[in-house]
Amino acid sequence: MKLSSPRFKSLSVTAGFSFWFFIIITTTGNFSFELFFGFVVSLLVITQIFSSKVSKILDIFAMINTKIFLGILFVFVISIYGILFKVLKIDLLRLKKTNSTYWLEIEKSDIMTKIKKQY
């Protein structure tokens, strides 16, 4: 972001703030298109007008917004994988040797004997 133009920084900060505004307003149940577009347009106009003067502040806002968004995305993805592995009974670390998991016993399969016979 340090090499980007101030106009682009204002666009990215506007996009980030509008995303969080959408999330907050939707969760509170007060969403309306007029309110959302009014917020986006007013923020875009203000940041475009003062973009060259507040370029460093826009840089800081963009970095903070990116860190928060990527942190939430990381937690969400890891949680989804954990839930799916629990539901599908997949034991990644093979800690439990039970019949309810889907791991194959490669040492005892016919594939290993066929491979050994080839060599």
N, C-alpha and C. Protein backbone atom coordinates (compact mmCIF):
# COMPACT_ATOMS: atom_id res chain seq x y z
N MET A 1 0.81 -1.20 0.00
CA MET A 1 0.00 0.00 0.00
C MET A 1 0.86 1.27 0.00
N LYS A 2 2.11 1.16 0.41
CA LYS A 2 2.93 2.36 0.49
C LYS A 2 3.27 2.91 -0.89
N LEU A 3 3.28 2.04 -1.90
CA LEU A 3 3.59 2.49 -3.25
C LEU A 3 2.35 2.84 -4.05
N SER A 4 1.17 2.59 -3.50
CA SER A 4 -0.07 2.87 -4.20
C SER A 4 -0.38 4.36 -4.18
N SER A 5 -1.19 4.75 -5.14
CA SER A 5 -1.59 6.16 -5.19
C SER A 5 -2.60 6.45 -4.08
N PRO A 6 -2.69 7.70 -3.64
CA PRO A 6 -3.67 8.03 -2.59
C PRO A 6 -5.11 7.76 -3.00
N ARG A 7 -5.42 7.90 -4.29
CA ARG A 7 -6.79 7.62 -4.76
C ARG A 7 -7.14 6.15 -4.60
N PHE A 8 -6.18 5.27 -4.93
CA PHE A 8 -6.42 3.85 -4.78
C PHE A 8 -6.56 3.47 -3.30
N LYS A 9 -5.76 4.11 -2.46
CA LYS A 9 -5.86 3.85 -1.03
C LYS A 9 -7.25 4.23 -0.51
N SER A 10 -7.77 5.34 -1.00
CA SER A 10 -9.10 5.75 -0.54
C SER A 10 -10.16 4.78 -1.03
N LEU A 11 -10.00 4.23 -2.22
CA LEU A 11 -10.95 3.23 -2.71
C LEU A 11 -10.89 1.95 -1.87
N SER A 12 -9.68 1.52 -1.54
CA SER A 12 -9.57 0.29 -0.75
C SER A 12 -10.09 0.48 0.67
N VAL A 13 -9.84 1.63 1.27
CA VAL A 13 -10.36 1.90 2.61
C VAL A 13 -11.88 2.01 2.57
N THR A 14 -12.42 2.62 1.54
CA THR A 14 -13.87 2.72 1.40
C THR A 14 -14.49 1.33 1.25
N ALA A 15 -13.86 0.49 0.44
CA ALA A 15 -14.36 -0.88 0.28
C ALA A 15 -14.32 -1.65 1.60
N GLY A 16 -13.23 -1.51 2.34
CA GLY A 16 -13.12 -2.21 3.63
C GLY A 16 -14.14 -1.73 4.65
N PHE A 17 -14.26 -0.40 4.77
CA PHE A 17 -15.23 0.15 5.72
C PHE A 17 -16.66 -0.17 5.31
N SER A 18 -16.94 -0.17 4.02
CA SER A 18 -18.31 -0.50 3.59
C SER A 18 -18.62 -1.97 3.86
N PHE A 19 -17.61 -2.84 3.73
CA PHE A 19 -17.81 -4.25 4.08
C PHE A 19 -18.17 -4.41 5.55
N TRP A 20 -17.38 -3.76 6.43
CA TRP A 20 -17.67 -3.88 7.86
C TRP A 20 -18.98 -3.19 8.21
N PHE A 21 -19.30 -2.09 7.56
CA PHE A 21 -20.58 -1.42 7.80
C PHE A 21 -21.73 -2.34 7.41
N PHE A 22 -21.59 -3.02 6.27
CA PHE A 22 -22.62 -3.97 5.83
C PHE A 22 -22.79 -5.10 6.85
N ILE A 23 -21.69 -5.64 7.34
CA ILE A 23 -21.75 -6.74 8.31
C ILE A 23 -22.44 -6.28 9.60
N ILE A 24 -22.05 -5.12 10.10
CA ILE A 24 -22.60 -4.63 11.37
C ILE A 24 -24.08 -4.28 11.24
N ILE A 25 -24.43 -3.58 10.19
CA ILE A 25 -25.83 -3.17 10.00
C ILE A 25 -26.72 -4.38 9.73
N THR A 26 -26.22 -5.36 9.00
CA THR A 26 -27.02 -6.56 8.73
C THR A 26 -27.25 -7.36 10.01
N THR A 27 -26.24 -7.49 10.84
CA THR A 27 -26.41 -8.28 12.06
C THR A 27 -27.33 -7.58 13.07
N THR A 28 -27.36 -6.26 13.05
CA THR A 28 -28.27 -5.56 13.96
C THR A 28 -29.69 -5.53 13.43
N GLY A 29 -29.88 -5.86 12.14
CA GLY A 29 -31.22 -5.90 11.56
C GLY A 29 -31.71 -4.56 11.06
N ASN A 30 -30.83 -3.60 10.89
CA ASN A 30 -31.22 -2.27 10.43
C ASN A 30 -30.76 -1.99 9.01
N PHE A 31 -30.58 -3.01 8.19
CA PHE A 31 -30.04 -2.81 6.85
C PHE A 31 -31.09 -2.21 5.92
N SER A 32 -30.66 -1.22 5.17
CA SER A 32 -31.44 -0.69 4.05
C SER A 32 -30.45 -0.22 3.00
N PHE A 33 -30.86 -0.34 1.73
CA PHE A 33 -29.97 0.05 0.64
C PHE A 33 -29.66 1.54 0.67
N GLU A 34 -30.64 2.34 1.07
CA GLU A 34 -30.42 3.79 1.12
C GLU A 34 -29.34 4.14 2.14
N LEU A 35 -29.41 3.52 3.30
CA LEU A 35 -28.41 3.77 4.33
C LEU A 35 -27.03 3.29 3.90
N PHE A 36 -26.98 2.10 3.30
CA PHE A 36 -25.70 1.54 2.87
C PHE A 36 -25.07 2.38 1.76
N PHE A 37 -25.84 2.68 0.72
CA PHE A 37 -25.28 3.47 -0.39
C PHE A 37 -24.95 4.89 0.04
N GLY A 38 -25.72 5.45 0.96
CA GLY A 38 -25.40 6.76 1.49
C GLY A 38 -24.07 6.75 2.23
N PHE A 39 -23.85 5.72 3.03
CA PHE A 39 -22.57 5.58 3.74
C PHE A 39 -21.41 5.43 2.77
N VAL A 40 -21.58 4.55 1.77
CA VAL A 40 -20.49 4.29 0.82
C VAL A 40 -20.16 5.55 0.02
N VAL A 41 -21.18 6.23 -0.48
CA VAL A 41 -20.94 7.42 -1.30
C VAL A 41 -20.32 8.54 -0.47
N SER A 42 -20.83 8.76 0.73
CA SER A 42 -20.27 9.83 1.56
C SER A 42 -18.82 9.53 1.96
N LEU A 43 -18.55 8.28 2.31
CA LEU A 43 -17.18 7.91 2.67
C LEU A 43 -16.26 8.01 1.46
N LEU A 44 -16.73 7.59 0.30
CA LEU A 44 -15.92 7.68 -0.91
C LEU A 44 -15.59 9.13 -1.27
N VAL A 45 -16.59 9.99 -1.18
CA VAL A 45 -16.37 11.40 -1.50
C VAL A 45 -15.39 12.02 -0.52
N ILE A 46 -15.57 11.77 0.76
CA ILE A 46 -14.67 12.35 1.77
C ILE A 46 -13.25 11.84 1.61
N THR A 47 -13.08 10.53 1.41
CA THR A 47 -11.73 10.00 1.29
C THR A 47 -11.08 10.41 -0.03
N GLN A 48 -11.86 10.59 -1.10
CA GLN A 48 -11.28 11.04 -2.37
C GLN A 48 -10.84 12.50 -2.29
N ILE A 49 -11.61 13.31 -1.61
CA ILE A 49 -11.26 14.74 -1.49
C ILE A 49 -9.99 14.91 -0.68
N PHE A 50 -9.91 14.22 0.45
CA PHE A 50 -8.77 14.39 1.34
C PHE A 50 -7.73 13.28 1.19
N SER A 51 -7.72 12.57 0.07
CA SER A 51 -6.84 11.41 -0.08
C SER A 51 -5.36 11.77 -0.02
N SER A 52 -4.97 12.85 -0.65
CA SER A 52 -3.54 13.19 -0.64
C SER A 52 -3.08 13.68 0.73
N LYS A 53 -3.99 14.29 1.48
CA LYS A 53 -3.61 14.82 2.80
C LYS A 53 -3.57 13.73 3.87
N VAL A 54 -4.41 12.74 3.74
CA VAL A 54 -4.49 11.69 4.77
C VAL A 54 -4.02 10.34 4.23
N SER A 55 -3.06 10.37 3.33
CA SER A 55 -2.58 9.15 2.70
C SER A 55 -2.00 8.17 3.71
N LYS A 56 -1.24 8.66 4.67
CA LYS A 56 -0.63 7.76 5.67
C LYS A 56 -1.68 7.15 6.58
N ILE A 57 -2.71 7.91 6.91
CA ILE A 57 -3.79 7.40 7.75
C ILE A 57 -4.58 6.34 6.99
N LEU A 58 -4.81 6.57 5.69
CA LEU A 58 -5.50 5.57 4.87
C LEU A 58 -4.68 4.29 4.79
N ASP A 59 -3.37 4.44 4.74
CA ASP A 59 -2.48 3.28 4.73
C ASP A 59 -2.64 2.46 6.00
N ILE A 60 -2.69 3.12 7.13
CA ILE A 60 -2.85 2.45 8.42
C ILE A 60 -4.21 1.76 8.51
N PHE A 61 -5.28 2.45 8.07
CA PHE A 61 -6.61 1.85 8.08
C PHE A 61 -6.67 0.61 7.19
N ALA A 62 -6.05 0.67 6.02
CA ALA A 62 -6.06 -0.47 5.11
C ALA A 62 -5.33 -1.66 5.71
N MET A 63 -4.21 -1.42 6.37
CA MET A 63 -3.46 -2.52 6.99
C MET A 63 -4.24 -3.15 8.14
N ILE A 64 -4.86 -2.32 8.97
CA ILE A 64 -5.65 -2.85 10.09
C ILE A 64 -6.84 -3.65 9.58
N ASN A 65 -7.52 -3.11 8.58
CA ASN A 65 -8.67 -3.80 8.01
C ASN A 65 -8.27 -5.14 7.41
N THR A 66 -7.15 -5.18 6.73
CA THR A 66 -6.68 -6.43 6.13
C THR A 66 -6.33 -7.46 7.20
N LYS A 67 -5.67 -7.03 8.26
CA LYS A 67 -5.31 -7.97 9.32
C LYS A 67 -6.54 -8.55 10.01
N ILE A 68 -7.51 -7.71 10.27
CA ILE A 68 -8.74 -8.19 10.92
C ILE A 68 -9.48 -9.16 10.01
N PHE A 69 -9.62 -8.79 8.74
CA PHE A 69 -10.35 -9.64 7.79
C PHE A 69 -9.66 -10.98 7.60
N LEU A 70 -8.35 -10.97 7.42
CA LEU A 70 -7.63 -12.23 7.23
C LEU A 70 -7.62 -13.08 8.49
N GLY A 71 -7.58 -12.44 9.66
CA GLY A 71 -7.66 -13.19 10.91
C GLY A 71 -9.00 -13.90 11.06
N ILE A 72 -10.07 -13.20 10.76
CA ILE A 72 -11.40 -13.81 10.85
C ILE A 72 -11.55 -14.92 9.81
N LEU A 73 -11.03 -14.69 8.61
CA LEU A 73 -11.10 -15.70 7.56
C LEU A 73 -10.31 -16.95 7.95
N PHE A 74 -9.14 -16.77 8.56
CA PHE A 74 -8.33 -17.90 9.00
C PHE A 74 -9.06 -18.72 10.06
N VAL A 75 -9.63 -18.05 11.05
CA VAL A 75 -10.36 -18.75 12.10
C VAL A 75 -11.57 -19.48 11.52
N PHE A 76 -12.26 -18.86 10.58
CA PHE A 76 -13.43 -19.47 9.95
C PHE A 76 -13.04 -20.73 9.18
N VAL A 77 -11.98 -20.66 8.39
CA VAL A 77 -11.56 -21.80 7.58
C VAL A 77 -11.10 -22.95 8.47
N ILE A 78 -10.31 -22.66 9.49
CA ILE A 78 -9.85 -23.71 10.40
C ILE A 78 -11.04 -24.33 11.13
N SER A 79 -12.01 -23.53 11.52
CA SER A 79 -13.19 -24.06 12.20
C SER A 79 -14.00 -24.97 11.28
N ILE A 80 -14.15 -24.56 10.03
CA ILE A 80 -14.89 -25.40 9.08
C ILE A 80 -14.19 -26.73 8.87
N TYR A 81 -12.86 -26.71 8.73
CA TYR A 81 -12.13 -27.96 8.59
C TYR A 81 -12.29 -28.83 9.83
N GLY A 82 -12.21 -28.25 11.00
CA GLY A 82 -12.38 -29.02 12.22
C GLY A 82 -13.76 -29.65 12.33
N ILE A 83 -14.78 -28.88 11.99
CA ILE A 83 -16.15 -29.40 12.04
C ILE A 83 -16.34 -30.52 11.02
N LEU A 84 -15.84 -30.31 9.80
CA LEU A 84 -15.98 -31.35 8.77
C LEU A 84 -15.23 -32.62 9.15
N PHE A 85 -14.04 -32.50 9.69
CA PHE A 85 -13.29 -33.68 10.08
C PHE A 85 -13.97 -34.42 11.22
N LYS A 86 -14.58 -33.67 12.12
CA LYS A 86 -15.30 -34.29 13.24
C LYS A 86 -16.55 -35.02 12.73
N VAL A 87 -17.29 -34.37 11.82
CA VAL A 87 -18.52 -34.98 11.29
C VAL A 87 -18.19 -36.22 10.45
N LEU A 88 -17.15 -36.12 9.63
CA LEU A 88 -16.78 -37.25 8.78
C LEU A 88 -15.93 -38.29 9.50
N LYS A 89 -15.62 -38.04 10.76
CA LYS A 89 -14.83 -38.95 11.59
C LYS A 89 -13.46 -39.23 10.99
N ILE A 90 -12.82 -38.18 10.51
CA ILE A 90 -11.48 -38.31 9.95
C ILE A 90 -10.48 -38.00 11.05
N ASP A 91 -9.57 -38.91 11.27
CA ASP A 91 -8.53 -38.75 12.29
C ASP A 91 -7.22 -38.44 11.58
N LEU A 92 -6.90 -37.16 11.45
CA LEU A 92 -5.71 -36.77 10.69
C LEU A 92 -4.42 -37.27 11.32
N LEU A 93 -4.34 -37.24 12.62
CA LEU A 93 -3.11 -37.64 13.30
C LEU A 93 -3.05 -39.14 13.57
N ARG A 94 -4.11 -39.84 13.22
CA ARG A 94 -4.23 -41.29 13.45
C ARG A 94 -3.98 -41.65 14.90
N LEU A 95 -4.59 -40.86 15.77
CA LEU A 95 -4.41 -41.10 17.20
C LEU A 95 -5.23 -42.30 17.67
N LYS A 96 -6.39 -42.49 17.07
CA LYS A 96 -7.26 -43.59 17.49
C LYS A 96 -7.33 -44.63 16.38
N LYS A 97 -6.99 -45.84 16.69
CA LYS A 97 -7.11 -46.94 15.72
C LYS A 97 -8.45 -47.64 15.97
N THR A 98 -9.51 -47.08 15.41
CA THR A 98 -10.84 -47.67 15.60
C THR A 98 -11.45 -47.99 14.25
N ASN A 99 -12.54 -48.73 14.29
CA ASN A 99 -13.24 -49.09 13.06
C ASN A 99 -14.12 -47.96 12.55
N SER A 100 -14.35 -46.94 13.37
CA SER A 100 -15.25 -45.87 12.95
C SER A 100 -14.56 -44.78 12.13
N THR A 101 -13.24 -44.87 11.96
CA THR A 101 -12.55 -43.87 11.14
C THR A 101 -12.38 -44.42 9.74
N TYR A 102 -12.06 -43.53 8.82
CA TYR A 102 -11.98 -43.89 7.41
C TYR A 102 -10.57 -44.14 6.92
N TRP A 103 -9.63 -44.31 7.83
CA TRP A 103 -8.26 -44.53 7.40
C TRP A 103 -8.09 -45.98 6.95
N LEU A 104 -7.33 -46.15 5.90
CA LEU A 104 -7.05 -47.48 5.37
C LEU A 104 -5.76 -48.01 5.97
N GLU A 105 -5.74 -49.27 6.25
CA GLU A 105 -4.53 -49.90 6.73
C GLU A 105 -3.74 -50.33 5.50
N ILE A 106 -2.74 -49.54 5.14
CA ILE A 106 -2.01 -49.80 3.90
C ILE A 106 -1.12 -51.02 4.04
N GLU A 107 -0.57 -51.25 5.22
CA GLU A 107 0.32 -52.37 5.41
C GLU A 107 -0.39 -53.71 5.20
N LYS A 108 -1.67 -53.77 5.46
CA LYS A 108 -2.41 -55.02 5.38
C LYS A 108 -3.23 -55.14 4.10
N SER A 109 -3.09 -54.24 3.19
CA SER A 109 -3.93 -54.27 1.99
C SER A 109 -3.29 -55.11 0.89
N ASP A 110 -4.06 -55.44 -0.12
CA ASP A 110 -3.58 -56.23 -1.24
C ASP A 110 -2.67 -55.41 -2.15
N ILE A 111 -2.79 -54.12 -2.11
CA ILE A 111 -1.98 -53.26 -2.96
C ILE A 111 -0.51 -53.40 -2.61
N MET A 112 -0.21 -53.46 -1.32
CA MET A 112 1.19 -53.57 -0.89
C MET A 112 1.80 -54.90 -1.34
N THR A 113 1.02 -55.99 -1.31
CA THR A 113 1.56 -57.28 -1.76
C THR A 113 1.78 -57.27 -3.26
N LYS A 114 0.91 -56.61 -4.01
CA LYS A 114 1.09 -56.52 -5.46
C LYS A 114 2.31 -55.68 -5.81
N ILE A 115 2.52 -54.60 -5.05
CA ILE A 115 3.67 -53.76 -5.29
C ILE A 115 4.97 -54.52 -4.98
N LYS A 116 4.96 -55.28 -3.89
CA LYS A 116 6.15 -56.04 -3.53
C LYS A 116 6.45 -57.12 -4.55
N LYS A 117 5.42 -57.74 -5.13
CA LYS A 117 5.62 -58.79 -6.13
C LYS A 117 6.21 -58.21 -7.41
N GLN A 118 5.88 -56.98 -7.72
CA GLN A 118 6.42 -56.37 -8.95
C GLN A 118 7.91 -56.14 -8.84
N TYR A 119 8.38 -55.83 -7.66
CA TYR A 119 9.80 -55.53 -7.50
C TYR A 119 10.53 -56.75 -7.04
